[in-house]
Amino acid sequence: MTDTDVPEGFQPHLRESPLTEPWKPLYAKKTDKAVIIGLRLARPHTNGRGLIHGGLIAALADNAMGYSCAQATNWTTSFVTISLSVDFVGSAEIGQWLAVESDVIRTGSTICFAQCLAMADDAVIARASGTFRVVPKRT
């Protein structure tokens, strides 16, 4: 993958986890209101039929919404997922750019609500909503 394969504004995503390790490289783009997660779809992202796996979309939606909630609170707290709902409305194929863009609905002292759209080359393929529990960071 070359730099021209990555849309403008996206930088390597630096938050790693064992789950997302096989999906690298992942990218992130921070806006005033959200952290957008993106990647160029490849074979490790597919199901047995060669389409992008719904589990990948669900996991990235969960990540993007959680990071967006953290950004909305100036990264002062952590979040864990209470509930996650995903509606799949399309499909994606190898080679497309997948971007998951969140919208934080409300943050409170104990809970954050968010929603997002997953888009393959700007076509919506899924929408998700999540509820996240505020977890104070350990000092």
N, C-alpha and C. Protein backbone atom coordinates (compact mmCIF):
# COMPACT_ATOMS: atom_id res chain seq x y z
N MET A 1 0.84 -1.17 0.00
CA MET A 1 0.00 0.00 0.00
C MET A 1 0.89 1.24 0.00
N THR A 2 0.51 2.20 -0.79
CA THR A 2 1.27 3.45 -0.86
C THR A 2 0.46 4.57 -0.22
N ASP A 3 1.13 5.70 0.00
CA ASP A 3 0.45 6.84 0.59
C ASP A 3 -0.72 7.32 -0.26
N THR A 4 -0.67 7.09 -1.56
CA THR A 4 -1.76 7.55 -2.43
C THR A 4 -3.00 6.67 -2.28
N ASP A 5 -2.86 5.50 -1.66
CA ASP A 5 -4.00 4.62 -1.42
C ASP A 5 -4.82 5.06 -0.21
N VAL A 6 -4.30 6.01 0.55
CA VAL A 6 -4.94 6.45 1.79
C VAL A 6 -5.51 7.86 1.57
N PRO A 7 -6.80 8.03 1.81
CA PRO A 7 -7.39 9.36 1.61
C PRO A 7 -6.72 10.43 2.49
N GLU A 8 -6.80 11.64 2.02
CA GLU A 8 -6.19 12.78 2.71
C GLU A 8 -6.71 12.91 4.13
N GLY A 9 -5.81 13.21 5.04
CA GLY A 9 -6.17 13.43 6.43
C GLY A 9 -6.03 12.21 7.32
N PHE A 10 -5.93 11.04 6.73
CA PHE A 10 -5.79 9.82 7.52
C PHE A 10 -4.31 9.59 7.84
N GLN A 11 -4.05 9.21 9.10
CA GLN A 11 -2.71 8.90 9.57
C GLN A 11 -2.72 7.48 10.12
N PRO A 12 -1.56 6.83 10.21
CA PRO A 12 -1.55 5.49 10.83
C PRO A 12 -2.21 5.53 12.21
N HIS A 13 -3.07 4.55 12.45
CA HIS A 13 -3.78 4.45 13.72
C HIS A 13 -2.83 3.85 14.74
N LEU A 14 -2.56 4.57 15.81
CA LEU A 14 -1.53 4.16 16.75
C LEU A 14 -2.04 3.32 17.92
N ARG A 15 -3.35 3.24 18.10
CA ARG A 15 -3.90 2.44 19.21
C ARG A 15 -4.02 1.01 18.73
N GLU A 16 -3.20 0.14 19.28
CA GLU A 16 -3.19 -1.25 18.84
C GLU A 16 -3.92 -2.14 19.83
N SER A 17 -4.44 -3.24 19.30
CA SER A 17 -5.04 -4.27 20.14
C SER A 17 -4.83 -5.61 19.45
N PRO A 18 -4.81 -6.70 20.20
CA PRO A 18 -4.63 -8.01 19.58
C PRO A 18 -5.71 -8.32 18.53
N LEU A 19 -6.94 -7.84 18.75
CA LEU A 19 -8.02 -8.10 17.79
C LEU A 19 -7.72 -7.48 16.43
N THR A 20 -7.27 -6.24 16.43
CA THR A 20 -7.07 -5.54 15.16
C THR A 20 -5.71 -5.79 14.53
N GLU A 21 -4.81 -6.46 15.21
CA GLU A 21 -3.47 -6.73 14.68
C GLU A 21 -3.48 -7.34 13.27
N PRO A 22 -4.29 -8.38 13.00
CA PRO A 22 -4.29 -8.97 11.65
C PRO A 22 -4.87 -8.07 10.56
N TRP A 23 -5.53 -6.99 10.94
CA TRP A 23 -6.19 -6.12 9.97
C TRP A 23 -5.33 -4.95 9.55
N LYS A 24 -4.14 -4.85 10.07
CA LYS A 24 -3.26 -3.71 9.78
C LYS A 24 -2.91 -3.66 8.30
N PRO A 25 -2.65 -2.46 7.79
CA PRO A 25 -2.59 -1.21 8.52
C PRO A 25 -3.96 -0.55 8.65
N LEU A 26 -4.21 -0.02 9.83
CA LEU A 26 -5.40 0.77 10.11
C LEU A 26 -5.01 2.24 10.14
N TYR A 27 -5.96 3.10 9.82
CA TYR A 27 -5.71 4.53 9.79
C TYR A 27 -6.79 5.24 10.60
N ALA A 28 -6.48 6.44 11.05
CA ALA A 28 -7.43 7.25 11.79
C ALA A 28 -7.36 8.69 11.31
N LYS A 29 -8.49 9.32 11.38
CA LYS A 29 -8.59 10.75 11.04
C LYS A 29 -9.42 11.40 12.14
N LYS A 30 -8.84 12.39 12.79
CA LYS A 30 -9.56 13.09 13.86
C LYS A 30 -10.21 14.34 13.29
N THR A 31 -11.48 14.51 13.62
CA THR A 31 -12.20 15.74 13.30
C THR A 31 -12.55 16.41 14.63
N ASP A 32 -13.25 17.53 14.58
CA ASP A 32 -13.66 18.18 15.82
C ASP A 32 -14.59 17.32 16.65
N LYS A 33 -15.35 16.45 15.98
CA LYS A 33 -16.38 15.69 16.67
C LYS A 33 -16.17 14.18 16.72
N ALA A 34 -15.18 13.66 15.97
CA ALA A 34 -15.09 12.20 15.89
C ALA A 34 -13.68 11.73 15.55
N VAL A 35 -13.49 10.44 15.80
CA VAL A 35 -12.31 9.74 15.30
C VAL A 35 -12.83 8.78 14.24
N ILE A 36 -12.39 8.97 13.01
CA ILE A 36 -12.81 8.12 11.89
C ILE A 36 -11.75 7.04 11.72
N ILE A 37 -12.16 5.80 11.68
CA ILE A 37 -11.25 4.68 11.46
C ILE A 37 -11.37 4.28 10.00
N GLY A 38 -10.24 4.03 9.33
CA GLY A 38 -10.26 3.64 7.92
C GLY A 38 -9.23 2.59 7.60
N LEU A 39 -9.49 1.85 6.54
CA LEU A 39 -8.53 0.88 6.02
C LEU A 39 -8.88 0.51 4.60
N ARG A 40 -7.86 0.07 3.87
CA ARG A 40 -8.06 -0.44 2.52
C ARG A 40 -8.39 -1.92 2.68
N LEU A 41 -9.55 -2.33 2.19
CA LEU A 41 -10.01 -3.69 2.39
C LEU A 41 -9.17 -4.70 1.60
N ALA A 42 -8.83 -5.81 2.29
CA ALA A 42 -7.97 -6.84 1.72
C ALA A 42 -8.49 -8.22 2.12
N ARG A 43 -7.85 -9.25 1.64
CA ARG A 43 -8.30 -10.63 1.87
C ARG A 43 -8.49 -10.98 3.35
N PRO A 44 -7.60 -10.53 4.28
CA PRO A 44 -7.83 -10.87 5.69
C PRO A 44 -9.11 -10.30 6.28
N HIS A 45 -9.78 -9.42 5.55
CA HIS A 45 -11.01 -8.79 6.04
C HIS A 45 -12.27 -9.49 5.52
N THR A 46 -12.12 -10.59 4.79
CA THR A 46 -13.26 -11.20 4.11
C THR A 46 -13.84 -12.42 4.82
N ASN A 47 -15.06 -12.77 4.40
CA ASN A 47 -15.69 -14.01 4.84
C ASN A 47 -15.44 -15.09 3.78
N GLY A 48 -16.07 -16.24 3.92
CA GLY A 48 -15.88 -17.35 3.00
C GLY A 48 -16.35 -17.07 1.58
N ARG A 49 -17.19 -16.07 1.38
CA ARG A 49 -17.67 -15.72 0.04
C ARG A 49 -16.87 -14.60 -0.61
N GLY A 50 -15.84 -14.13 0.10
CA GLY A 50 -15.00 -13.06 -0.45
C GLY A 50 -15.51 -11.67 -0.21
N LEU A 51 -16.60 -11.54 0.55
CA LEU A 51 -17.12 -10.22 0.91
C LEU A 51 -16.54 -9.81 2.27
N ILE A 52 -16.58 -8.54 2.55
CA ILE A 52 -16.05 -8.06 3.81
C ILE A 52 -16.90 -8.60 4.96
N HIS A 53 -16.23 -9.12 5.97
CA HIS A 53 -16.89 -9.80 7.09
C HIS A 53 -17.60 -8.79 7.99
N GLY A 54 -18.83 -9.13 8.39
CA GLY A 54 -19.59 -8.27 9.28
C GLY A 54 -18.92 -8.08 10.63
N GLY A 55 -18.17 -9.06 11.08
CA GLY A 55 -17.45 -8.93 12.35
C GLY A 55 -16.41 -7.83 12.31
N LEU A 56 -15.77 -7.66 11.16
CA LEU A 56 -14.80 -6.57 10.99
C LEU A 56 -15.52 -5.23 11.12
N ILE A 57 -16.64 -5.11 10.46
CA ILE A 57 -17.41 -3.86 10.50
C ILE A 57 -17.87 -3.57 11.92
N ALA A 58 -18.39 -4.59 12.61
CA ALA A 58 -18.87 -4.40 13.99
C ALA A 58 -17.73 -3.98 14.91
N ALA A 59 -16.59 -4.63 14.79
CA ALA A 59 -15.45 -4.31 15.67
C ALA A 59 -14.93 -2.90 15.40
N LEU A 60 -14.83 -2.52 14.15
CA LEU A 60 -14.34 -1.18 13.83
C LEU A 60 -15.36 -0.10 14.22
N ALA A 61 -16.65 -0.41 14.10
CA ALA A 61 -17.68 0.53 14.56
C ALA A 61 -17.57 0.73 16.07
N ASP A 62 -17.40 -0.36 16.79
CA ASP A 62 -17.23 -0.30 18.24
C ASP A 62 -16.02 0.55 18.60
N ASN A 63 -14.91 0.33 17.92
CA ASN A 63 -13.69 1.12 18.17
C ASN A 63 -13.91 2.59 17.85
N ALA A 64 -14.45 2.88 16.68
CA ALA A 64 -14.61 4.27 16.26
C ALA A 64 -15.53 5.03 17.21
N MET A 65 -16.62 4.41 17.62
CA MET A 65 -17.54 5.09 18.54
C MET A 65 -16.90 5.28 19.91
N GLY A 66 -16.20 4.27 20.40
CA GLY A 66 -15.53 4.40 21.69
C GLY A 66 -14.47 5.49 21.69
N TYR A 67 -13.65 5.52 20.63
CA TYR A 67 -12.63 6.57 20.52
C TYR A 67 -13.27 7.94 20.40
N SER A 68 -14.38 8.03 19.69
CA SER A 68 -15.06 9.31 19.53
C SER A 68 -15.63 9.79 20.87
N CYS A 69 -16.16 8.86 21.68
CA CYS A 69 -16.62 9.24 23.02
C CYS A 69 -15.45 9.73 23.86
N ALA A 70 -14.32 9.04 23.75
CA ALA A 70 -13.12 9.46 24.50
C ALA A 70 -12.67 10.85 24.07
N GLN A 71 -12.67 11.10 22.77
CA GLN A 71 -12.28 12.41 22.28
C GLN A 71 -13.25 13.49 22.76
N ALA A 72 -14.55 13.16 22.79
CA ALA A 72 -15.55 14.13 23.24
C ALA A 72 -15.36 14.52 24.70
N THR A 73 -14.68 13.67 25.46
CA THR A 73 -14.41 13.97 26.87
C THR A 73 -12.92 14.30 27.07
N ASN A 74 -12.29 14.77 25.99
CA ASN A 74 -10.88 15.18 26.03
C ASN A 74 -9.94 14.09 26.52
N TRP A 75 -10.29 12.83 26.23
CA TRP A 75 -9.45 11.68 26.56
C TRP A 75 -9.17 11.56 28.05
N THR A 76 -10.09 12.08 28.88
CA THR A 76 -9.89 12.05 30.32
C THR A 76 -10.44 10.78 30.96
N THR A 77 -11.27 10.04 30.23
CA THR A 77 -11.83 8.79 30.76
C THR A 77 -11.72 7.71 29.68
N SER A 78 -11.92 6.48 30.11
CA SER A 78 -11.98 5.35 29.19
C SER A 78 -13.43 4.89 29.09
N PHE A 79 -13.70 4.06 28.12
CA PHE A 79 -15.06 3.58 27.91
C PHE A 79 -15.06 2.09 27.63
N VAL A 80 -16.07 1.41 28.11
CA VAL A 80 -16.29 0.00 27.75
C VAL A 80 -17.70 -0.11 27.17
N THR A 81 -17.85 -1.01 26.25
CA THR A 81 -19.13 -1.16 25.54
C THR A 81 -20.16 -1.84 26.41
N ILE A 82 -21.32 -1.21 26.52
CA ILE A 82 -22.47 -1.81 27.20
C ILE A 82 -23.33 -2.53 26.16
N SER A 83 -23.62 -1.84 25.06
CA SER A 83 -24.42 -2.46 24.00
C SER A 83 -23.95 -1.94 22.65
N LEU A 84 -24.13 -2.79 21.66
CA LEU A 84 -23.74 -2.46 20.30
C LEU A 84 -24.77 -3.06 19.36
N SER A 85 -25.28 -2.24 18.46
CA SER A 85 -26.26 -2.70 17.48
C SER A 85 -25.75 -2.31 16.09
N VAL A 86 -25.77 -3.28 15.16
CA VAL A 86 -25.28 -3.02 13.82
C VAL A 86 -26.33 -3.48 12.81
N ASP A 87 -26.63 -2.61 11.86
CA ASP A 87 -27.51 -2.94 10.75
C ASP A 87 -26.67 -2.94 9.48
N PHE A 88 -26.64 -4.06 8.79
CA PHE A 88 -25.88 -4.17 7.54
C PHE A 88 -26.81 -3.85 6.38
N VAL A 89 -26.46 -2.83 5.60
CA VAL A 89 -27.34 -2.37 4.53
C VAL A 89 -26.70 -2.48 3.16
N GLY A 90 -25.50 -3.04 3.10
CA GLY A 90 -24.80 -3.20 1.83
C GLY A 90 -23.60 -4.10 2.04
N SER A 91 -22.77 -4.22 1.02
CA SER A 91 -21.57 -5.05 1.14
C SER A 91 -20.38 -4.30 0.56
N ALA A 92 -19.21 -4.82 0.81
CA ALA A 92 -17.98 -4.22 0.32
C ALA A 92 -17.06 -5.31 -0.17
N GLU A 93 -16.12 -4.91 -1.02
CA GLU A 93 -15.21 -5.87 -1.63
C GLU A 93 -13.76 -5.46 -1.42
N ILE A 94 -12.88 -6.40 -1.64
CA ILE A 94 -11.45 -6.15 -1.56
C ILE A 94 -11.09 -4.97 -2.47
N GLY A 95 -10.23 -4.10 -1.94
CA GLY A 95 -9.76 -2.94 -2.69
C GLY A 95 -10.47 -1.65 -2.35
N GLN A 96 -11.67 -1.74 -1.79
CA GLN A 96 -12.39 -0.52 -1.44
C GLN A 96 -11.83 0.09 -0.16
N TRP A 97 -12.03 1.40 0.00
CA TRP A 97 -11.65 2.09 1.23
C TRP A 97 -12.83 2.06 2.18
N LEU A 98 -12.63 1.49 3.36
CA LEU A 98 -13.67 1.44 4.38
C LEU A 98 -13.40 2.54 5.40
N ALA A 99 -14.38 3.38 5.66
CA ALA A 99 -14.27 4.43 6.68
C ALA A 99 -15.47 4.31 7.61
N VAL A 100 -15.19 4.37 8.91
CA VAL A 100 -16.24 4.29 9.92
C VAL A 100 -16.25 5.61 10.67
N GLU A 101 -17.31 6.39 10.45
CA GLU A 101 -17.40 7.74 11.01
C GLU A 101 -18.50 7.82 12.05
N SER A 102 -18.15 8.31 13.22
CA SER A 102 -19.06 8.33 14.37
C SER A 102 -19.65 9.71 14.62
N ASP A 103 -20.72 9.68 15.38
CA ASP A 103 -21.36 10.89 15.87
C ASP A 103 -21.70 10.62 17.34
N VAL A 104 -21.12 11.38 18.24
CA VAL A 104 -21.42 11.22 19.66
C VAL A 104 -22.74 11.93 19.94
N ILE A 105 -23.69 11.19 20.44
CA ILE A 105 -25.03 11.72 20.70
C ILE A 105 -25.08 12.46 22.04
N ARG A 106 -24.52 11.82 23.05
CA ARG A 106 -24.55 12.43 24.39
C ARG A 106 -23.49 11.78 25.26
N THR A 107 -22.80 12.62 26.02
CA THR A 107 -21.87 12.11 27.02
C THR A 107 -22.37 12.54 28.39
N GLY A 108 -22.22 11.66 29.33
CA GLY A 108 -22.60 11.96 30.70
C GLY A 108 -21.51 11.49 31.65
N SER A 109 -21.78 11.56 32.92
CA SER A 109 -20.76 11.16 33.89
C SER A 109 -20.60 9.65 33.98
N THR A 110 -21.60 8.90 33.51
CA THR A 110 -21.51 7.43 33.59
C THR A 110 -21.71 6.73 32.25
N ILE A 111 -22.33 7.39 31.28
CA ILE A 111 -22.66 6.73 30.01
C ILE A 111 -22.45 7.70 28.84
N CYS A 112 -22.06 7.12 27.70
CA CYS A 112 -21.94 7.88 26.45
C CYS A 112 -22.71 7.12 25.38
N PHE A 113 -23.45 7.86 24.56
CA PHE A 113 -24.20 7.28 23.45
C PHE A 113 -23.60 7.77 22.14
N ALA A 114 -23.44 6.85 21.18
CA ALA A 114 -22.88 7.23 19.89
C ALA A 114 -23.53 6.41 18.78
N GLN A 115 -23.36 6.89 17.55
CA GLN A 115 -23.82 6.16 16.37
C GLN A 115 -22.78 6.36 15.28
N CYS A 116 -22.81 5.50 14.27
CA CYS A 116 -21.84 5.67 13.19
C CYS A 116 -22.36 5.06 11.89
N LEU A 117 -21.69 5.44 10.81
CA LEU A 117 -21.92 4.85 9.50
C LEU A 117 -20.60 4.24 9.04
N ALA A 118 -20.70 3.06 8.45
CA ALA A 118 -19.55 2.43 7.80
C ALA A 118 -19.76 2.59 6.30
N MET A 119 -18.74 3.16 5.64
CA MET A 119 -18.87 3.46 4.22
C MET A 119 -17.72 2.82 3.44
N ALA A 120 -18.06 2.16 2.34
CA ALA A 120 -17.06 1.59 1.43
C ALA A 120 -17.06 2.48 0.19
N ASP A 121 -15.93 3.16 -0.04
CA ASP A 121 -15.85 4.13 -1.14
C ASP A 121 -17.05 5.08 -1.12
N ASP A 122 -17.38 5.60 0.04
CA ASP A 122 -18.44 6.59 0.25
C ASP A 122 -19.87 6.05 0.13
N ALA A 123 -20.05 4.75 -0.07
CA ALA A 123 -21.38 4.15 -0.08
C ALA A 123 -21.64 3.52 1.29
N VAL A 124 -22.75 3.87 1.92
CA VAL A 124 -23.06 3.33 3.25
C VAL A 124 -23.32 1.83 3.14
N ILE A 125 -22.60 1.06 3.97
CA ILE A 125 -22.81 -0.39 4.00
C ILE A 125 -23.32 -0.88 5.36
N ALA A 126 -23.20 -0.03 6.39
CA ALA A 126 -23.71 -0.40 7.71
C ALA A 126 -23.91 0.86 8.55
N ARG A 127 -24.80 0.71 9.50
CA ARG A 127 -24.94 1.75 10.52
C ARG A 127 -24.92 1.03 11.86
N ALA A 128 -24.43 1.73 12.86
CA ALA A 128 -24.33 1.12 14.18
C ALA A 128 -24.64 2.16 15.24
N SER A 129 -25.04 1.67 16.40
CA SER A 129 -25.21 2.53 17.56
C SER A 129 -24.62 1.79 18.76
N GLY A 130 -24.12 2.58 19.69
CA GLY A 130 -23.51 1.97 20.86
C GLY A 130 -23.75 2.78 22.11
N THR A 131 -23.75 2.08 23.22
CA THR A 131 -23.82 2.68 24.54
C THR A 131 -22.56 2.26 25.27
N PHE A 132 -21.88 3.23 25.88
CA PHE A 132 -20.58 2.98 26.49
C PHE A 132 -20.58 3.45 27.94
N ARG A 133 -20.02 2.65 28.81
CA ARG A 133 -19.90 2.98 30.23
C ARG A 133 -18.61 3.76 30.43
N VAL A 134 -18.70 4.87 31.17
CA VAL A 134 -17.52 5.66 31.51
C VAL A 134 -16.74 4.90 32.59
N VAL A 135 -15.46 4.73 32.34
CA VAL A 135 -14.57 4.07 33.28
C VAL A 135 -13.42 5.03 33.58
N PRO A 136 -13.35 5.53 34.81
CA PRO A 136 -12.25 6.46 35.11
C PRO A 136 -10.90 5.82 34.84
N LYS A 137 -9.98 6.61 34.28
CA LYS A 137 -8.64 6.12 34.01
C LYS A 137 -7.91 5.89 35.32
N ARG A 138 -7.13 4.82 35.33
CA ARG A 138 -6.31 4.54 36.51
C ARG A 138 -5.12 5.47 36.53
N THR A 139 -4.81 5.95 37.71
CA THR A 139 -3.67 6.86 37.82
C THR A 139 -2.44 6.15 38.32
